[in-house]
Amino acid sequence: MKSKIKMYGLSSCAHCKDMRMYLKERGVDFEWTYLDLLTGDERSQTMRELKGHNPECTFPTIVIGDTVIAGFKKDKIDALLDSASDRS
């Protein structure tokens, strides 16, 4: 998979933990950030970044290439990951 994958979540969010575990189980390389564990400028900057992808700032938010999925929507994630791997 060539698309960069980034996940934004909260450490207290069960859906965020499930999403992270699911991506790991699929063997997907991804970056993840729990916003509630950040402080100061790093938190502010990451929040601005998240709002650029998902203005409602709902969690989890996953960014795969140019596509943003808000919430743990396994079918959408699978379809996107599968289509990306078919192209590589």
N, C-alpha and C. Protein backbone atom coordinates (compact mmCIF):
# COMPACT_ATOMS: atom_id res chain seq x y z
N MET A 1 0.85 -1.18 0.00
CA MET A 1 0.00 0.00 0.00
C MET A 1 0.89 1.23 0.00
N LYS A 2 0.71 2.09 -0.98
CA LYS A 2 1.57 3.26 -1.12
C LYS A 2 0.99 4.50 -0.49
N SER A 3 -0.33 4.55 -0.30
CA SER A 3 -0.97 5.71 0.31
C SER A 3 -0.55 5.84 1.77
N LYS A 4 -0.29 7.06 2.17
CA LYS A 4 0.01 7.30 3.57
C LYS A 4 -1.28 7.20 4.38
N ILE A 5 -1.21 6.53 5.51
CA ILE A 5 -2.39 6.35 6.35
C ILE A 5 -2.12 6.98 7.71
N LYS A 6 -3.08 7.80 8.16
CA LYS A 6 -2.97 8.50 9.44
C LYS A 6 -4.29 8.32 10.18
N MET A 7 -4.19 7.99 11.46
CA MET A 7 -5.38 7.84 12.29
C MET A 7 -5.31 8.82 13.45
N TYR A 8 -6.40 9.52 13.67
CA TYR A 8 -6.55 10.43 14.81
C TYR A 8 -7.58 9.83 15.75
N GLY A 9 -7.27 9.82 17.04
CA GLY A 9 -8.20 9.24 17.99
C GLY A 9 -8.01 9.82 19.38
N LEU A 10 -8.72 9.21 20.31
CA LEU A 10 -8.63 9.54 21.73
C LEU A 10 -8.29 8.25 22.48
N SER A 11 -7.45 8.36 23.48
CA SER A 11 -7.05 7.17 24.23
C SER A 11 -8.21 6.52 24.99
N SER A 12 -9.23 7.29 25.28
CA SER A 12 -10.39 6.79 26.03
C SER A 12 -11.51 6.26 25.13
N CYS A 13 -11.30 6.30 23.82
CA CYS A 13 -12.34 5.93 22.85
C CYS A 13 -12.20 4.47 22.45
N ALA A 14 -13.23 3.67 22.75
CA ALA A 14 -13.20 2.24 22.42
C ALA A 14 -13.13 2.02 20.91
N HIS A 15 -13.84 2.85 20.13
CA HIS A 15 -13.81 2.71 18.67
C HIS A 15 -12.42 3.02 18.12
N CYS A 16 -11.74 3.98 18.73
CA CYS A 16 -10.38 4.33 18.31
C CYS A 16 -9.43 3.16 18.57
N LYS A 17 -9.55 2.56 19.73
CA LYS A 17 -8.70 1.41 20.06
C LYS A 17 -9.00 0.24 19.12
N ASP A 18 -10.29 0.03 18.82
CA ASP A 18 -10.67 -1.04 17.89
C ASP A 18 -10.10 -0.78 16.50
N MET A 19 -10.16 0.47 16.05
CA MET A 19 -9.64 0.83 14.73
C MET A 19 -8.15 0.56 14.67
N ARG A 20 -7.43 0.98 15.68
CA ARG A 20 -5.98 0.79 15.72
C ARG A 20 -5.64 -0.70 15.69
N MET A 21 -6.35 -1.48 16.49
CA MET A 21 -6.11 -2.92 16.54
C MET A 21 -6.44 -3.56 15.18
N TYR A 22 -7.52 -3.12 14.56
CA TYR A 22 -7.93 -3.67 13.27
C TYR A 22 -6.86 -3.41 12.20
N LEU A 23 -6.36 -2.19 12.14
CA LEU A 23 -5.33 -1.86 11.16
C LEU A 23 -4.07 -2.68 11.39
N LYS A 24 -3.71 -2.87 12.65
CA LYS A 24 -2.55 -3.70 12.97
C LYS A 24 -2.79 -5.15 12.52
N GLU A 25 -3.99 -5.68 12.78
CA GLU A 25 -4.33 -7.05 12.38
C GLU A 25 -4.25 -7.23 10.87
N ARG A 26 -4.60 -6.18 10.14
CA ARG A 26 -4.52 -6.24 8.67
C ARG A 26 -3.10 -6.07 8.17
N GLY A 27 -2.19 -5.74 9.06
CA GLY A 27 -0.81 -5.56 8.66
C GLY A 27 -0.55 -4.25 7.93
N VAL A 28 -1.37 -3.26 8.22
CA VAL A 28 -1.28 -1.96 7.56
C VAL A 28 -0.29 -1.07 8.31
N ASP A 29 0.61 -0.43 7.57
CA ASP A 29 1.50 0.56 8.17
C ASP A 29 0.74 1.88 8.28
N PHE A 30 0.69 2.45 9.47
CA PHE A 30 -0.04 3.70 9.65
C PHE A 30 0.57 4.49 10.80
N GLU A 31 0.32 5.78 10.76
CA GLU A 31 0.67 6.66 11.88
C GLU A 31 -0.60 6.88 12.68
N TRP A 32 -0.48 7.01 13.98
CA TRP A 32 -1.66 7.28 14.80
C TRP A 32 -1.31 8.29 15.87
N THR A 33 -2.32 9.05 16.23
CA THR A 33 -2.16 10.06 17.26
C THR A 33 -3.40 10.07 18.13
N TYR A 34 -3.20 9.98 19.44
CA TYR A 34 -4.28 10.19 20.39
C TYR A 34 -4.19 11.64 20.84
N LEU A 35 -5.15 12.44 20.39
CA LEU A 35 -5.09 13.87 20.66
C LEU A 35 -5.13 14.22 22.13
N ASP A 36 -5.83 13.44 22.93
CA ASP A 36 -5.94 13.75 24.35
C ASP A 36 -4.63 13.53 25.11
N LEU A 37 -3.65 12.89 24.48
CA LEU A 37 -2.36 12.68 25.13
C LEU A 37 -1.34 13.75 24.74
N LEU A 38 -1.73 14.64 23.83
CA LEU A 38 -0.85 15.73 23.42
C LEU A 38 -1.09 16.96 24.28
N THR A 39 -0.11 17.85 24.34
CA THR A 39 -0.26 19.09 25.09
C THR A 39 0.31 20.25 24.28
N GLY A 40 -0.05 21.44 24.70
CA GLY A 40 0.53 22.66 24.17
C GLY A 40 0.44 22.81 22.66
N ASP A 41 1.56 23.28 22.08
CA ASP A 41 1.60 23.56 20.65
C ASP A 41 1.38 22.31 19.80
N GLU A 42 1.90 21.18 20.27
CA GLU A 42 1.73 19.95 19.51
C GLU A 42 0.25 19.59 19.41
N ARG A 43 -0.49 19.75 20.50
CA ARG A 43 -1.92 19.48 20.48
C ARG A 43 -2.66 20.46 19.57
N SER A 44 -2.33 21.74 19.67
CA SER A 44 -2.98 22.76 18.84
C SER A 44 -2.73 22.51 17.36
N GLN A 45 -1.49 22.21 17.02
CA GLN A 45 -1.13 21.97 15.63
C GLN A 45 -1.84 20.72 15.09
N THR A 46 -1.87 19.65 15.88
CA THR A 46 -2.51 18.41 15.45
C THR A 46 -4.02 18.60 15.32
N MET A 47 -4.60 19.40 16.20
CA MET A 47 -6.04 19.68 16.12
C MET A 47 -6.37 20.45 14.83
N ARG A 48 -5.52 21.41 14.46
CA ARG A 48 -5.72 22.15 13.21
C ARG A 48 -5.62 21.19 12.02
N GLU A 49 -4.66 20.29 12.08
CA GLU A 49 -4.47 19.28 11.03
C GLU A 49 -5.73 18.41 10.91
N LEU A 50 -6.23 17.95 12.05
CA LEU A 50 -7.45 17.13 12.05
C LEU A 50 -8.63 17.90 11.47
N LYS A 51 -8.81 19.15 11.88
CA LYS A 51 -9.94 19.95 11.38
C LYS A 51 -9.85 20.15 9.87
N GLY A 52 -8.64 20.15 9.33
CA GLY A 52 -8.48 20.24 7.88
C GLY A 52 -9.02 19.01 7.16
N HIS A 53 -8.97 17.89 7.82
CA HIS A 53 -9.49 16.64 7.25
C HIS A 53 -10.95 16.41 7.63
N ASN A 54 -11.29 16.72 8.88
CA ASN A 54 -12.63 16.43 9.42
C ASN A 54 -13.03 17.60 10.32
N PRO A 55 -13.71 18.61 9.75
CA PRO A 55 -14.07 19.81 10.52
C PRO A 55 -14.88 19.52 11.79
N GLU A 56 -15.59 18.39 11.83
CA GLU A 56 -16.39 18.05 13.01
C GLU A 56 -15.55 17.45 14.13
N CYS A 57 -14.31 17.07 13.80
CA CYS A 57 -13.37 16.50 14.79
C CYS A 57 -13.97 15.31 15.53
N THR A 58 -14.55 14.39 14.79
CA THR A 58 -15.08 13.17 15.40
C THR A 58 -14.00 12.10 15.38
N PHE A 59 -14.14 11.14 16.27
CA PHE A 59 -13.11 10.11 16.43
C PHE A 59 -13.71 8.72 16.31
N PRO A 60 -12.95 7.79 15.77
CA PRO A 60 -11.67 7.98 15.12
C PRO A 60 -11.84 8.61 13.75
N THR A 61 -10.82 9.29 13.29
CA THR A 61 -10.76 9.79 11.92
C THR A 61 -9.54 9.14 11.29
N ILE A 62 -9.75 8.54 10.14
CA ILE A 62 -8.64 7.91 9.42
C ILE A 62 -8.51 8.58 8.06
N VAL A 63 -7.29 8.89 7.69
CA VAL A 63 -7.00 9.52 6.41
C VAL A 63 -6.15 8.53 5.62
N ILE A 64 -6.68 8.10 4.48
CA ILE A 64 -5.97 7.18 3.60
C ILE A 64 -5.81 7.89 2.26
N GLY A 65 -4.59 8.32 1.99
CA GLY A 65 -4.36 9.11 0.78
C GLY A 65 -5.15 10.40 0.88
N ASP A 66 -6.07 10.62 -0.07
CA ASP A 66 -6.91 11.82 -0.07
C ASP A 66 -8.29 11.57 0.51
N THR A 67 -8.54 10.37 1.00
CA THR A 67 -9.87 10.01 1.50
C THR A 67 -9.90 10.05 3.02
N VAL A 68 -10.97 10.63 3.56
CA VAL A 68 -11.15 10.73 5.01
C VAL A 68 -12.37 9.89 5.40
N ILE A 69 -12.20 9.06 6.41
CA ILE A 69 -13.31 8.26 6.95
C ILE A 69 -13.43 8.61 8.43
N ALA A 70 -14.60 9.13 8.81
CA ALA A 70 -14.87 9.47 10.21
C ALA A 70 -15.66 8.34 10.82
N GLY A 71 -15.12 7.76 11.88
CA GLY A 71 -15.77 6.63 12.54
C GLY A 71 -15.14 5.32 12.10
N PHE A 72 -15.39 4.28 12.86
CA PHE A 72 -14.85 2.97 12.56
C PHE A 72 -15.79 2.28 11.59
N LYS A 73 -15.64 2.60 10.32
CA LYS A 73 -16.49 2.07 9.25
C LYS A 73 -15.67 1.02 8.50
N LYS A 74 -15.69 -0.17 9.05
CA LYS A 74 -14.85 -1.27 8.58
C LYS A 74 -15.01 -1.54 7.09
N ASP A 75 -16.25 -1.54 6.58
CA ASP A 75 -16.49 -1.83 5.16
C ASP A 75 -15.82 -0.80 4.27
N LYS A 76 -15.94 0.47 4.62
CA LYS A 76 -15.32 1.54 3.82
C LYS A 76 -13.80 1.44 3.88
N ILE A 77 -13.28 1.16 5.06
CA ILE A 77 -11.83 1.03 5.22
C ILE A 77 -11.32 -0.15 4.40
N ASP A 78 -12.01 -1.29 4.51
CA ASP A 78 -11.61 -2.48 3.75
C ASP A 78 -11.62 -2.21 2.25
N ALA A 79 -12.69 -1.60 1.76
CA ALA A 79 -12.80 -1.32 0.33
C ALA A 79 -11.66 -0.42 -0.14
N LEU A 80 -11.36 0.59 0.64
CA LEU A 80 -10.30 1.53 0.27
C LEU A 80 -8.93 0.87 0.32
N LEU A 81 -8.67 0.11 1.36
CA LEU A 81 -7.38 -0.58 1.49
C LEU A 81 -7.22 -1.64 0.39
N ASP A 82 -8.30 -2.36 0.12
CA ASP A 82 -8.24 -3.42 -0.91
C ASP A 82 -8.04 -2.81 -2.29
N SER A 83 -8.72 -1.72 -2.60
CA SER A 83 -8.56 -1.11 -3.93
C SER A 83 -7.18 -0.52 -4.08
N ALA A 84 -6.62 0.02 -3.01
CA ALA A 84 -5.27 0.58 -3.07
C ALA A 84 -4.24 -0.52 -3.28
N SER A 85 -4.43 -1.67 -2.64
CA SER A 85 -3.46 -2.76 -2.81
C SER A 85 -3.59 -3.40 -4.19
N ASP A 86 -4.79 -3.34 -4.79
CA ASP A 86 -4.98 -3.86 -6.14
C ASP A 86 -4.22 -3.02 -7.17
N ARG A 87 -4.08 -1.72 -6.89
CA ARG A 87 -3.39 -0.81 -7.80
C ARG A 87 -1.88 -0.90 -7.69
N SER A 88 -1.38 -1.42 -6.57
CA SER A 88 0.09 -1.45 -6.40
C SER A 88 0.70 -2.71 -6.96
